[in-house]
Amino acid sequence: MIDLGKILIGLGALLVIAGIVVILLGRIHLPIGRLPGDILYRGKHTTFYFPLASSLLISIVLSLVLYFLSKIHR
């Protein structure tokens, strides 16, 4: 049970950090979500939005961060 508690505390801390990062990114007006490769379709009664380029950019950045953290941890 102690290990489960530590994992839950770690995940909670990670969510808090992710929330702070999202708030800060919103305040500095980065174009995440409005990049040239993002798909936006506005019909008469529907709107479809798929942030393809933004998702790829976030994936690459997170992959690099996790890669460097794993190198530092060894």
C-alpha atoms as a PDB file:
ATOM      1  CA  MET A   1       0.000   0.000   0.000  1.00  0.00           C
ATOM      2  CA  ILE A   2       2.864   2.380   0.682  1.00  0.00           C
ATOM      3  CA  ASP A   3       4.155   1.990  -2.888  1.00  0.00           C
ATOM      4  CA  LEU A   4       0.701   2.714  -4.304  1.00  0.00           C
ATOM      5  CA  GLY A   5       0.500   5.853  -2.189  1.00  0.00           C
ATOM      6  CA  LYS A   6       3.866   7.045  -3.476  1.00  0.00           C
ATOM      7  CA  ILE A   7       2.791   6.427  -7.066  1.00  0.00           C
ATOM      8  CA  LEU A   8      -0.445   8.375  -6.550  1.00  0.00           C
ATOM      9  CA  ILE A   9       1.424  11.288  -4.956  1.00  0.00           C
ATOM     10  CA  GLY A  10       3.887  11.300  -7.875  1.00  0.00           C
ATOM     11  CA  LEU A  11       1.074  11.295 -10.432  1.00  0.00           C
ATOM     12  CA  GLY A  12      -0.685  14.088  -8.573  1.00  0.00           C
ATOM     13  CA  ALA A  13       2.484  16.182  -8.550  1.00  0.00           C
ATOM     14  CA  LEU A  14       2.924  15.524 -12.265  1.00  0.00           C
ATOM     15  CA  LEU A  15      -0.645  16.680 -12.951  1.00  0.00           C
ATOM     16  CA  VAL A  16      -0.096  19.855 -10.931  1.00  0.00           C
ATOM     17  CA  ILE A  17       3.077  20.624 -12.887  1.00  0.00           C
ATOM     18  CA  ALA A  18       1.307  19.931 -16.191  1.00  0.00           C
ATOM     19  CA  GLY A  19      -1.532  22.252 -15.163  1.00  0.00           C
ATOM     20  CA  ILE A  20       0.881  25.053 -14.294  1.00  0.00           C
ATOM     21  CA  VAL A  21       2.663  24.631 -17.637  1.00  0.00           C
ATOM     22  CA  VAL A  22      -0.640  24.793 -19.528  1.00  0.00           C
ATOM     23  CA  ILE A  23      -1.659  27.959 -17.675  1.00  0.00           C
ATOM     24  CA  LEU A  24       1.701  29.598 -18.376  1.00  0.00           C
ATOM     25  CA  LEU A  25       1.588  28.627 -22.058  1.00  0.00           C
ATOM     26  CA  GLY A  26      -1.870  30.176 -22.310  1.00  0.00           C
ATOM     27  CA  ARG A  27      -0.631  33.448 -20.860  1.00  0.00           C
ATOM     28  CA  ILE A  28       2.351  33.849 -23.194  1.00  0.00           C
ATOM     29  CA  HIS A  29       0.145  33.240 -26.266  1.00  0.00           C
ATOM     30  CA  LEU A  30       2.099  30.491 -27.997  1.00  0.00           C
ATOM     31  CA  PRO A  31       0.327  29.415 -31.185  1.00  0.00           C
ATOM     32  CA  ILE A  32      -0.191  25.861 -29.905  1.00  0.00           C
ATOM     33  CA  GLY A  33      -3.540  24.817 -31.330  1.00  0.00           C
ATOM     34  CA  ARG A  34      -3.334  27.303 -34.195  1.00  0.00           C
ATOM     35  CA  LEU A  35      -0.370  25.952 -36.143  1.00  0.00           C
ATOM     36  CA  PRO A  36      -0.445  25.664 -39.958  1.00  0.00           C
ATOM     37  CA  GLY A  37      -0.932  21.875 -39.908  1.00  0.00           C
ATOM     38  CA  ASP A  38      -3.955  21.909 -37.592  1.00  0.00           C
ATOM     39  CA  ILE A  39      -7.196  20.875 -39.266  1.00  0.00           C
ATOM     40  CA  LEU A  40     -10.246  23.089 -38.795  1.00  0.00           C
ATOM     41  CA  TYR A  41     -13.504  22.573 -40.638  1.00  0.00           C
ATOM     42  CA  ARG A  42     -16.444  24.859 -40.047  1.00  0.00           C
ATOM     43  CA  GLY A  43     -19.667  23.760 -41.656  1.00  0.00           C
ATOM     44  CA  LYS A  44     -23.107  25.257 -41.413  1.00  0.00           C
ATOM     45  CA  HIS A  45     -24.007  23.513 -38.177  1.00  0.00           C
ATOM     46  CA  THR A  46     -20.807  21.714 -37.215  1.00  0.00           C
ATOM     47  CA  THR A  47     -17.227  22.470 -36.373  1.00  0.00           C
ATOM     48  CA  PHE A  48     -14.459  19.871 -36.506  1.00  0.00           C
ATOM     49  CA  TYR A  49     -11.026  20.631 -35.072  1.00  0.00           C
ATOM     50  CA  PHE A  50      -8.056  18.262 -35.074  1.00  0.00           C
ATOM     51  CA  PRO A  51      -4.745  19.750 -33.831  1.00  0.00           C
ATOM     52  CA  LEU A  52      -2.447  17.511 -35.890  1.00  0.00           C
ATOM     53  CA  ALA A  53       0.629  19.762 -36.038  1.00  0.00           C
ATOM     54  CA  SER A  54       0.242  20.824 -32.411  1.00  0.00           C
ATOM     55  CA  SER A  55       0.007  17.186 -31.293  1.00  0.00           C
ATOM     56  CA  LEU A  56       3.138  16.267 -33.228  1.00  0.00           C
ATOM     57  CA  LEU A  57       5.064  19.218 -31.813  1.00  0.00           C
ATOM     58  CA  ILE A  58       4.052  18.417 -28.234  1.00  0.00           C
ATOM     59  CA  SER A  59       4.926  14.746 -28.769  1.00  0.00           C
ATOM     60  CA  ILE A  60       8.399  15.585 -30.066  1.00  0.00           C
ATOM     61  CA  VAL A  61       9.106  18.007 -27.217  1.00  0.00           C
ATOM     62  CA  LEU A  62       7.911  15.560 -24.548  1.00  0.00           C
ATOM     63  CA  SER A  63       9.904  12.729 -26.130  1.00  0.00           C
ATOM     64  CA  LEU A  64      13.069  14.832 -26.050  1.00  0.00           C
ATOM     65  CA  VAL A  65      12.484  15.920 -22.448  1.00  0.00           C
ATOM     66  CA  LEU A  66      11.874  12.348 -21.297  1.00  0.00           C
ATOM     67  CA  TYR A  67      14.901  11.129 -23.254  1.00  0.00           C
ATOM     68  CA  PHE A  68      17.185  13.666 -21.579  1.00  0.00           C
ATOM     69  CA  LEU A  69      15.687  12.937 -18.155  1.00  0.00           C
ATOM     70  CA  SER A  70      16.379   9.224 -18.645  1.00  0.00           C
ATOM     71  CA  LYS A  71      19.991  10.010 -19.618  1.00  0.00           C
ATOM     72  CA  ILE A  72      20.440  12.169 -16.509  1.00  0.00           C
ATOM     73  CA  HIS A  73      18.849   9.543 -14.258  1.00  0.00           C
ATOM     74  CA  ARG A  74      21.337   6.809 -15.278  1.00  0.00           C
END
